[in-house]
Amino acid sequence: MFRGYSQTMARACAICGKAAIGGFNPQSSGMNRVRAHRRYHPNLQLTTIAKNGSAEKVLACTRCRRTLTKSAR
């Protein structure tokens, strides 16, 4: 799955729980405006966070990563 990361986990943010949601592709041509199903995925990045005094690699969305760097200052 990930290089250097052996645990199996869901494709959701480990901090806020943001996961994929369903939606429709916008159709611009044709009279019937057929809606095609699609999935919107969060931008998940492998992030190292300190948990219980040890570093742990987790999947976190970019919004949570940004908040973590702000609180570290």
Protein backbone atom coordinates (compact mmCIF):
# COMPACT_ATOMS: atom_id res chain seq x y z
CA MET A 1 0.00 0.00 0.00
CA PHE A 2 2.44 2.67 1.14
CA ARG A 3 6.20 2.49 1.08
CA GLY A 4 7.43 1.88 4.62
CA TYR A 5 3.92 1.61 6.03
CA SER A 6 2.60 -1.86 6.74
CA GLN A 7 -0.68 -1.32 8.62
CA THR A 8 -3.92 -1.67 6.70
CA MET A 9 -6.29 1.22 7.23
CA ALA A 10 -9.29 2.87 5.61
CA ARG A 11 -8.87 5.72 3.16
CA ALA A 12 -10.06 8.27 5.71
CA CYS A 13 -8.32 10.97 7.74
CA ALA A 14 -7.01 9.59 11.03
CA ILE A 15 -7.65 12.94 12.77
CA CYS A 16 -11.02 14.25 11.57
CA GLY A 17 -12.44 11.13 9.86
CA LYS A 18 -12.97 12.76 6.47
CA ALA A 19 -13.66 10.02 3.86
CA ALA A 20 -14.81 9.67 0.27
CA ILE A 21 -18.32 10.80 -0.62
CA GLY A 22 -20.47 10.13 -3.67
CA GLY A 23 -21.65 12.69 -6.16
CA PHE A 24 -22.27 13.36 -9.83
CA ASN A 25 -20.07 14.54 -12.69
CA PRO A 26 -21.36 17.77 -14.20
CA GLN A 27 -22.59 17.21 -17.76
CA SER A 28 -22.44 20.21 -20.06
CA SER A 29 -23.75 18.87 -23.37
CA GLY A 30 -27.01 17.23 -24.41
CA MET A 31 -30.61 17.94 -23.59
CA ASN A 32 -31.15 15.22 -20.99
CA ARG A 33 -28.20 16.22 -18.80
CA VAL A 34 -27.38 12.62 -17.84
CA ARG A 35 -25.63 12.60 -14.49
CA ALA A 36 -22.64 10.26 -14.23
CA HIS A 37 -21.85 8.88 -10.77
CA ARG A 38 -18.42 9.60 -9.31
CA ARG A 39 -16.63 9.67 -5.95
CA TYR A 40 -14.96 12.66 -4.32
CA HIS A 41 -11.85 11.60 -2.38
CA PRO A 42 -10.09 13.64 0.33
CA ASN A 43 -6.47 14.68 -0.23
CA LEU A 44 -4.78 12.28 2.21
CA GLN A 45 -1.07 12.48 2.93
CA LEU A 46 1.19 10.28 5.03
CA THR A 47 1.97 12.36 8.13
CA THR A 48 4.10 11.72 11.21
CA ILE A 49 2.45 12.80 14.46
CA ALA A 50 3.52 12.40 18.08
CA LYS A 51 1.19 10.06 19.98
CA ASN A 52 1.91 8.96 23.56
CA GLY A 53 5.51 10.15 23.29
CA SER A 54 6.29 8.17 20.13
CA ALA A 55 6.13 9.11 16.47
CA GLU A 56 3.35 7.47 14.48
CA LYS A 57 2.69 7.58 10.74
CA VAL A 58 -0.97 8.19 9.86
CA LEU A 59 -3.00 9.29 6.87
CA ALA A 60 -4.23 12.84 7.43
CA CYS A 61 -6.09 15.23 5.16
CA THR A 62 -4.31 18.39 4.11
CA ARG A 63 -6.61 20.57 6.25
CA CYS A 64 -5.58 18.67 9.40
CA ARG A 65 -1.90 18.79 8.40
CA ARG A 66 -2.18 22.55 8.02
CA THR A 67 -3.83 22.88 11.42
CA LEU A 68 -1.10 20.72 13.01
CA THR A 69 1.66 22.97 11.68
CA LYS A 70 -0.20 26.07 12.92
CA SER A 71 -0.55 24.67 16.45
CA ALA A 72 3.15 23.67 16.49
CA ARG A 73 4.25 27.32 16.20
